[in-house]
Amino acid sequence: MKDCPFCLENNLLQSDKVHESDLWYFVDMYKKESTNSGLAITKRHIATPFEINSEEWAQLHDLLPTYKVHIDARELPQGYNLGWNVFTAGGQTVNHAHLHIVGRYDDEQQAGRGIRYHFKPAQNPRQSQERSPS
């Protein structure tokens, strides 16, 4: 996709690519984010993880320890959050599948509170209890 910031052939990537395989690459987000984190990004342009094929899933499984080692090399986190933002309501801002890998630390104000805490607190109720159309 010509305007996609995660398609490597566009030369629009604004982060440091620190690892690359034939199906995935990993970018360091340390300079862009307030945490020790990175993104695992599919080389194939697909919008969501629902489109990842079995070969890509298998390779991501094998690559996750490599990505963790990169994060651990700078500063060893006491925990991690791994997550996908999918579609606009899910917080996806780049329509190219990418996995967030975020180091977490015991001295953070939100330490011990996982991803669900941030997304489903009492202050974030749904406006309607009706089911969304499928």
N, C-alpha and C. Protein backbone atom coordinates (compact mmCIF):
# COMPACT_ATOMS: atom_id res chain seq x y z
N MET A 1 0.85 -1.18 0.00
CA MET A 1 0.00 0.00 0.00
C MET A 1 0.90 1.24 0.00
N LYS A 2 0.64 2.13 -0.90
CA LYS A 2 1.58 3.23 -1.11
C LYS A 2 1.65 4.24 0.03
N ASP A 3 0.58 4.39 0.84
CA ASP A 3 0.61 5.37 1.92
C ASP A 3 0.77 4.74 3.30
N CYS A 4 0.94 3.43 3.35
CA CYS A 4 1.03 2.74 4.64
C CYS A 4 2.40 2.96 5.28
N PRO A 5 2.44 3.49 6.50
CA PRO A 5 3.72 3.74 7.15
C PRO A 5 4.45 2.48 7.61
N PHE A 6 3.79 1.31 7.55
CA PHE A 6 4.43 0.06 7.96
C PHE A 6 4.82 -0.83 6.80
N CYS A 7 4.50 -0.44 5.56
CA CYS A 7 4.95 -1.20 4.40
C CYS A 7 6.37 -0.72 4.07
N LEU A 8 7.33 -1.62 4.19
CA LEU A 8 8.74 -1.23 4.10
C LEU A 8 9.11 -0.59 2.76
N GLU A 9 8.50 -1.04 1.66
CA GLU A 9 8.87 -0.51 0.35
C GLU A 9 8.53 0.96 0.20
N ASN A 10 7.70 1.51 1.07
CA ASN A 10 7.33 2.94 0.99
C ASN A 10 8.39 3.86 1.58
N ASN A 11 9.28 3.31 2.39
CA ASN A 11 10.28 4.13 3.09
C ASN A 11 9.64 5.19 3.97
N LEU A 12 8.48 4.87 4.56
CA LEU A 12 7.79 5.80 5.45
C LEU A 12 7.97 5.45 6.93
N LEU A 13 8.63 4.35 7.21
CA LEU A 13 8.82 3.89 8.58
C LEU A 13 9.60 4.93 9.37
N GLN A 14 9.07 5.33 10.53
CA GLN A 14 9.69 6.39 11.32
C GLN A 14 10.31 5.87 12.62
N SER A 15 10.53 4.58 12.70
CA SER A 15 11.15 3.98 13.88
C SER A 15 12.33 3.14 13.44
N ASP A 16 13.16 2.75 14.39
CA ASP A 16 14.33 1.94 14.09
C ASP A 16 13.95 0.47 13.94
N LYS A 17 14.18 -0.10 12.76
CA LYS A 17 13.97 -1.52 12.53
C LYS A 17 15.18 -2.24 13.11
N VAL A 18 14.95 -3.12 14.08
CA VAL A 18 16.07 -3.79 14.75
C VAL A 18 16.16 -5.28 14.46
N HIS A 19 15.13 -5.85 13.84
CA HIS A 19 15.18 -7.26 13.46
C HIS A 19 14.26 -7.46 12.27
N GLU A 20 14.68 -8.35 11.36
CA GLU A 20 13.88 -8.60 10.18
C GLU A 20 14.00 -10.06 9.78
N SER A 21 12.86 -10.66 9.44
CA SER A 21 12.83 -12.00 8.87
C SER A 21 12.12 -11.90 7.52
N ASP A 22 11.81 -13.02 6.94
CA ASP A 22 11.13 -12.96 5.65
C ASP A 22 9.65 -12.56 5.76
N LEU A 23 9.05 -12.72 6.97
CA LEU A 23 7.62 -12.44 7.14
C LEU A 23 7.31 -11.32 8.13
N TRP A 24 8.24 -11.02 9.01
CA TRP A 24 8.02 -10.05 10.09
C TRP A 24 9.22 -9.13 10.23
N TYR A 25 8.99 -7.99 10.83
CA TYR A 25 10.10 -7.17 11.31
C TYR A 25 9.70 -6.55 12.65
N PHE A 26 10.70 -6.14 13.39
CA PHE A 26 10.50 -5.59 14.73
C PHE A 26 11.09 -4.19 14.78
N VAL A 27 10.30 -3.24 15.28
CA VAL A 27 10.80 -1.87 15.43
C VAL A 27 10.87 -1.51 16.90
N ASP A 28 11.89 -0.77 17.22
CA ASP A 28 12.12 -0.28 18.57
C ASP A 28 11.31 0.99 18.75
N MET A 29 10.48 1.02 19.78
CA MET A 29 9.66 2.21 20.05
C MET A 29 10.18 2.99 21.26
N TYR A 30 11.35 2.67 21.72
CA TYR A 30 11.89 3.31 22.93
C TYR A 30 11.95 4.83 22.79
N LYS A 31 12.35 5.33 21.66
CA LYS A 31 12.46 6.78 21.47
C LYS A 31 11.11 7.44 21.27
N LYS A 32 10.10 6.67 20.89
CA LYS A 32 8.79 7.23 20.58
C LYS A 32 7.80 7.12 21.74
N GLU A 33 8.00 6.18 22.61
CA GLU A 33 7.06 5.90 23.69
C GLU A 33 7.74 6.14 25.05
N SER A 34 6.95 6.18 26.09
CA SER A 34 7.51 6.41 27.42
C SER A 34 7.91 5.11 28.10
N THR A 35 7.79 4.00 27.38
CA THR A 35 8.13 2.70 27.95
C THR A 35 9.13 1.98 27.06
N ASN A 36 9.69 0.92 27.58
CA ASN A 36 10.59 0.06 26.84
C ASN A 36 9.70 -0.87 26.01
N SER A 37 9.52 -0.57 24.72
CA SER A 37 8.54 -1.29 23.94
C SER A 37 8.95 -1.41 22.48
N GLY A 38 8.18 -2.22 21.75
CA GLY A 38 8.41 -2.37 20.32
C GLY A 38 7.18 -2.89 19.63
N LEU A 39 7.27 -2.98 18.32
CA LEU A 39 6.17 -3.49 17.50
C LEU A 39 6.67 -4.62 16.62
N ALA A 40 5.95 -5.74 16.61
CA ALA A 40 6.17 -6.81 15.64
C ALA A 40 5.20 -6.55 14.51
N ILE A 41 5.71 -6.36 13.29
CA ILE A 41 4.88 -5.93 12.16
C ILE A 41 5.00 -6.94 11.03
N THR A 42 3.85 -7.30 10.46
CA THR A 42 3.86 -8.20 9.32
C THR A 42 4.46 -7.49 8.11
N LYS A 43 5.26 -8.22 7.34
CA LYS A 43 5.78 -7.63 6.11
C LYS A 43 4.67 -7.57 5.05
N ARG A 44 3.82 -8.56 5.06
CA ARG A 44 2.70 -8.57 4.12
C ARG A 44 1.69 -7.53 4.60
N HIS A 45 1.19 -6.72 3.67
CA HIS A 45 0.21 -5.71 4.07
C HIS A 45 -1.14 -6.37 4.30
N ILE A 46 -1.49 -6.51 5.56
CA ILE A 46 -2.81 -6.96 5.97
C ILE A 46 -3.25 -6.02 7.08
N ALA A 47 -4.54 -5.84 7.23
CA ALA A 47 -5.05 -4.83 8.17
C ALA A 47 -5.07 -5.32 9.61
N THR A 48 -5.40 -6.59 9.84
CA THR A 48 -5.61 -7.06 11.21
C THR A 48 -4.98 -8.42 11.44
N PRO A 49 -4.81 -8.81 12.70
CA PRO A 49 -4.28 -10.15 12.98
C PRO A 49 -5.23 -11.27 12.56
N PHE A 50 -6.49 -10.95 12.29
CA PHE A 50 -7.44 -11.96 11.82
C PHE A 50 -7.07 -12.47 10.44
N GLU A 51 -6.19 -11.75 9.74
CA GLU A 51 -5.77 -12.13 8.39
C GLU A 51 -4.41 -12.84 8.36
N ILE A 52 -3.77 -12.98 9.50
CA ILE A 52 -2.46 -13.63 9.56
C ILE A 52 -2.63 -15.11 9.22
N ASN A 53 -1.77 -15.60 8.33
CA ASN A 53 -1.85 -17.00 7.93
C ASN A 53 -1.04 -17.89 8.88
N SER A 54 -1.16 -19.18 8.71
CA SER A 54 -0.52 -20.12 9.64
C SER A 54 1.00 -20.01 9.62
N GLU A 55 1.59 -19.75 8.47
CA GLU A 55 3.04 -19.59 8.39
C GLU A 55 3.50 -18.35 9.17
N GLU A 56 2.76 -17.27 9.04
CA GLU A 56 3.09 -16.04 9.78
C GLU A 56 2.93 -16.24 11.28
N TRP A 57 1.85 -16.92 11.70
CA TRP A 57 1.66 -17.19 13.14
C TRP A 57 2.82 -18.03 13.67
N ALA A 58 3.20 -19.06 12.94
CA ALA A 58 4.28 -19.94 13.40
C ALA A 58 5.58 -19.16 13.53
N GLN A 59 5.87 -18.32 12.55
CA GLN A 59 7.11 -17.56 12.62
C GLN A 59 7.07 -16.53 13.75
N LEU A 60 5.92 -15.90 13.96
CA LEU A 60 5.81 -14.95 15.08
C LEU A 60 6.06 -15.68 16.40
N HIS A 61 5.51 -16.86 16.54
CA HIS A 61 5.74 -17.66 17.74
C HIS A 61 7.23 -17.87 17.97
N ASP A 62 7.96 -18.19 16.91
CA ASP A 62 9.40 -18.41 17.02
C ASP A 62 10.18 -17.12 17.26
N LEU A 63 9.67 -16.00 16.77
CA LEU A 63 10.38 -14.72 16.89
C LEU A 63 10.14 -13.99 18.21
N LEU A 64 9.04 -14.26 18.89
CA LEU A 64 8.74 -13.53 20.12
C LEU A 64 9.88 -13.54 21.13
N PRO A 65 10.55 -14.68 21.36
CA PRO A 65 11.69 -14.65 22.29
C PRO A 65 12.81 -13.71 21.82
N THR A 66 13.04 -13.62 20.53
CA THR A 66 14.05 -12.71 19.99
C THR A 66 13.67 -11.26 20.28
N TYR A 67 12.41 -10.93 20.09
CA TYR A 67 11.94 -9.57 20.35
C TYR A 67 12.03 -9.25 21.85
N LYS A 68 11.71 -10.24 22.68
CA LYS A 68 11.81 -10.06 24.14
C LYS A 68 13.26 -9.79 24.55
N VAL A 69 14.19 -10.52 23.96
CA VAL A 69 15.62 -10.32 24.27
C VAL A 69 16.03 -8.88 23.94
N HIS A 70 15.52 -8.36 22.84
CA HIS A 70 15.86 -6.98 22.48
C HIS A 70 15.36 -6.00 23.54
N ILE A 71 14.13 -6.18 23.98
CA ILE A 71 13.57 -5.30 25.01
C ILE A 71 14.33 -5.47 26.32
N ASP A 72 14.62 -6.71 26.69
CA ASP A 72 15.33 -7.00 27.94
C ASP A 72 16.76 -6.45 27.96
N ALA A 73 17.37 -6.32 26.79
CA ALA A 73 18.77 -5.89 26.73
C ALA A 73 18.95 -4.45 27.21
N ARG A 74 17.96 -3.63 27.03
CA ARG A 74 18.08 -2.23 27.45
C ARG A 74 17.83 -2.10 28.94
N GLU A 75 16.75 -2.71 29.39
CA GLU A 75 16.35 -2.60 30.79
C GLU A 75 15.37 -3.74 31.05
N LEU A 76 15.69 -4.61 31.96
CA LEU A 76 14.90 -5.82 32.19
C LEU A 76 13.57 -5.48 32.85
N PRO A 77 12.46 -5.61 32.12
CA PRO A 77 11.14 -5.36 32.72
C PRO A 77 10.77 -6.45 33.72
N GLN A 78 9.87 -6.12 34.62
CA GLN A 78 9.35 -7.12 35.56
C GLN A 78 8.10 -7.79 35.00
N GLY A 79 7.57 -7.27 33.91
CA GLY A 79 6.39 -7.84 33.26
C GLY A 79 6.26 -7.30 31.86
N TYR A 80 5.24 -7.77 31.15
CA TYR A 80 5.02 -7.38 29.76
C TYR A 80 3.53 -7.30 29.48
N ASN A 81 3.16 -6.47 28.53
CA ASN A 81 1.85 -6.50 27.91
C ASN A 81 2.08 -6.73 26.42
N LEU A 82 1.34 -7.66 25.84
CA LEU A 82 1.34 -7.88 24.41
C LEU A 82 -0.07 -7.65 23.93
N GLY A 83 -0.24 -6.85 22.88
CA GLY A 83 -1.61 -6.56 22.46
C GLY A 83 -1.72 -6.09 21.03
N TRP A 84 -2.89 -6.37 20.48
CA TRP A 84 -3.27 -5.94 19.13
C TRP A 84 -4.39 -4.91 19.25
N ASN A 85 -4.28 -3.80 18.59
CA ASN A 85 -5.39 -2.87 18.45
C ASN A 85 -6.03 -3.19 17.10
N VAL A 86 -7.33 -3.49 17.12
CA VAL A 86 -8.00 -3.93 15.90
C VAL A 86 -9.22 -3.06 15.63
N PHE A 87 -9.25 -2.47 14.45
CA PHE A 87 -10.31 -1.57 14.00
C PHE A 87 -10.32 -0.29 14.85
N THR A 88 -11.02 0.70 14.38
CA THR A 88 -11.03 2.02 15.02
C THR A 88 -11.50 1.95 16.47
N ALA A 89 -12.58 1.23 16.73
CA ALA A 89 -13.10 1.14 18.09
C ALA A 89 -12.11 0.47 19.03
N GLY A 90 -11.24 -0.37 18.48
CA GLY A 90 -10.22 -1.05 19.27
C GLY A 90 -8.93 -0.25 19.39
N GLY A 91 -8.89 0.94 18.82
CA GLY A 91 -7.72 1.81 18.96
C GLY A 91 -6.70 1.70 17.83
N GLN A 92 -7.02 0.96 16.76
CA GLN A 92 -6.07 0.82 15.66
C GLN A 92 -6.00 2.12 14.87
N THR A 93 -4.79 2.67 14.75
CA THR A 93 -4.60 3.91 14.00
C THR A 93 -3.83 3.69 12.71
N VAL A 94 -3.13 2.57 12.58
CA VAL A 94 -2.45 2.21 11.33
C VAL A 94 -3.07 0.90 10.87
N ASN A 95 -3.63 0.90 9.67
CA ASN A 95 -4.31 -0.27 9.15
C ASN A 95 -3.33 -1.27 8.53
N HIS A 96 -2.41 -1.71 9.37
CA HIS A 96 -1.43 -2.73 9.01
C HIS A 96 -1.20 -3.52 10.30
N ALA A 97 -1.38 -4.83 10.25
CA ALA A 97 -1.30 -5.65 11.46
C ALA A 97 0.04 -5.48 12.18
N HIS A 98 -0.04 -5.20 13.47
CA HIS A 98 1.17 -5.05 14.29
C HIS A 98 0.86 -5.36 15.75
N LEU A 99 1.78 -6.07 16.38
CA LEU A 99 1.65 -6.49 17.76
C LEU A 99 2.48 -5.57 18.64
N HIS A 100 1.86 -4.97 19.65
CA HIS A 100 2.57 -4.14 20.62
C HIS A 100 3.18 -5.05 21.68
N ILE A 101 4.46 -4.86 21.96
CA ILE A 101 5.16 -5.59 23.02
C ILE A 101 5.72 -4.53 23.96
N VAL A 102 5.17 -4.48 25.17
CA VAL A 102 5.47 -3.38 26.09
C VAL A 102 6.05 -3.93 27.39
N GLY A 103 7.24 -3.47 27.73
CA GLY A 103 7.83 -3.82 29.02
C GLY A 103 7.13 -3.06 30.14
N ARG A 104 6.88 -3.75 31.25
CA ARG A 104 6.21 -3.14 32.40
C ARG A 104 7.12 -3.26 33.63
N TYR A 105 6.96 -2.33 34.57
CA TYR A 105 7.88 -2.23 35.71
C TYR A 105 7.14 -2.10 37.03
N ASP A 106 7.72 -2.69 38.07
CA ASP A 106 7.11 -2.69 39.40
C ASP A 106 6.89 -1.28 39.94
N ASP A 107 7.72 -0.31 39.53
CA ASP A 107 7.60 1.03 40.09
C ASP A 107 6.66 1.94 39.28
N GLU A 108 5.92 1.39 38.31
CA GLU A 108 4.94 2.18 37.57
C GLU A 108 3.71 2.42 38.45
N GLN A 109 3.07 3.54 38.22
CA GLN A 109 1.85 3.85 38.96
C GLN A 109 0.76 2.80 38.72
N GLN A 110 0.71 2.24 37.52
CA GLN A 110 -0.30 1.24 37.16
C GLN A 110 0.23 -0.19 37.24
N ALA A 111 1.33 -0.42 37.92
CA ALA A 111 1.90 -1.76 38.03
C ALA A 111 0.88 -2.74 38.60
N GLY A 112 0.88 -3.93 38.04
CA GLY A 112 -0.03 -4.97 38.51
C GLY A 112 -1.41 -4.92 37.88
N ARG A 113 -1.65 -3.91 37.08
CA ARG A 113 -2.94 -3.79 36.40
C ARG A 113 -2.72 -4.09 34.92
N GLY A 114 -3.38 -5.09 34.43
CA GLY A 114 -3.19 -5.53 33.06
C GLY A 114 -3.97 -4.70 32.06
N ILE A 115 -3.95 -5.16 30.83
CA ILE A 115 -4.59 -4.46 29.73
C ILE A 115 -6.07 -4.22 30.00
N ARG A 116 -6.76 -5.23 30.49
CA ARG A 116 -8.20 -5.12 30.69
C ARG A 116 -8.56 -3.97 31.63
N TYR A 117 -7.73 -3.69 32.62
CA TYR A 117 -7.98 -2.60 33.56
C TYR A 117 -8.15 -1.27 32.83
N HIS A 118 -7.34 -1.05 31.80
CA HIS A 118 -7.36 0.22 31.08
C HIS A 118 -8.56 0.35 30.16
N PHE A 119 -9.10 -0.78 29.69
CA PHE A 119 -10.15 -0.73 28.69
C PHE A 119 -11.55 -0.88 29.24
N LYS A 120 -11.70 -1.51 30.37
CA LYS A 120 -13.05 -1.79 30.88
C LYS A 120 -13.28 -1.28 32.30
N PRO A 121 -12.77 -0.11 32.65
CA PRO A 121 -13.07 0.42 33.98
C PRO A 121 -14.51 0.94 34.05
N ALA A 122 -14.98 1.19 35.24
CA ALA A 122 -16.34 1.70 35.43
C ALA A 122 -16.55 3.02 34.69
N GLN A 123 -15.48 3.78 34.47
CA GLN A 123 -15.60 5.07 33.79
C GLN A 123 -15.75 4.92 32.28
N ASN A 124 -15.72 3.68 31.75
CA ASN A 124 -15.81 3.46 30.31
C ASN A 124 -16.95 2.51 29.96
N PRO A 125 -18.17 2.81 30.43
CA PRO A 125 -19.29 1.90 30.12
C PRO A 125 -19.76 2.08 28.68
N ARG A 126 -20.39 1.06 28.15
CA ARG A 126 -21.03 1.19 26.83
C ARG A 126 -22.27 2.07 26.97
N GLN A 127 -22.58 2.81 25.95
CA GLN A 127 -23.75 3.68 25.94
C GLN A 127 -25.03 2.87 25.75
N SER A 128 -24.91 1.75 25.07
CA SER A 128 -26.07 0.93 24.78
C SER A 128 -25.77 -0.51 25.17
N GLN A 129 -26.75 -1.19 25.69
CA GLN A 129 -26.56 -2.61 26.01
C GLN A 129 -27.02 -3.51 24.87
N GLU A 130 -27.45 -2.89 23.77
CA GLU A 130 -27.86 -3.66 22.59
C GLU A 130 -26.64 -4.26 21.93
N ARG A 131 -26.82 -5.43 21.36
CA ARG A 131 -25.74 -6.07 20.63
C ARG A 131 -25.46 -5.32 19.34
N SER A 132 -24.20 -5.21 19.01
CA SER A 132 -23.81 -4.60 17.73
C SER A 132 -24.15 -5.57 16.61
N PRO A 133 -24.45 -5.05 15.42
CA PRO A 133 -24.73 -5.95 14.30
C PRO A 133 -23.48 -6.72 13.94
N SER A 134 -23.66 -7.97 13.57
CA SER A 134 -22.53 -8.84 13.21
C SER A 134 -22.08 -8.59 11.80
